[in-house]
Amino acid sequence: MMSASPAKKEPRPRISARARVRAKAQLTLPEEIRRALRVTEGDEVEFAVHEDGTVTMRGYVSVPTDQVWFFTPERLAAKQQADYEIAAGSGTVHGSAEAMFAHLDALGATDALCLRLRPFPVSKRTGGTSRTSSRPDSARSC
């Protein structure tokens, strides 16, 4: 005799709340949901409808197009590695941006993106940078 398979038991949600849909399909997210999503006024949320009919919602961060280059998997992995090395106390400390760029140039670590973003052209005579702008060192991109 075959028995009916038990229904799949869904996990209990950590937080549960309800909201009423108002005119123009608007709703107010309950405070505990806003806290869980870490969203505030003006932030975006993303909805996803799954095959089983469940809908998930998560806080969503849009990245300005001029900053997308930073969020590539390679850049994020490099940042994570740098954070790890800093936490471990390793790495090189430079006294100025000029010294840092000279060190990177000596390593051959400048790539096409860095050269394109660098606000000061590299001097072929000295291997350093020549100032053609009054921008402070802290304003450098690479």
Foldseek 3Di string as FASTA:
>chain_A
DDDDDDDDDDDDDPDDDDWDQDPPRDTDDDPVVCVVQVDDPPWDKDWDQDPVGDIDIHTDDDDPPVCVVCPDPVNVVVVVVVVVCVVVVDDDDDPALQRVQLVCLVVVNDDPVLCVQFPFHQDPVPRTTDDPDPDGRVPGDD
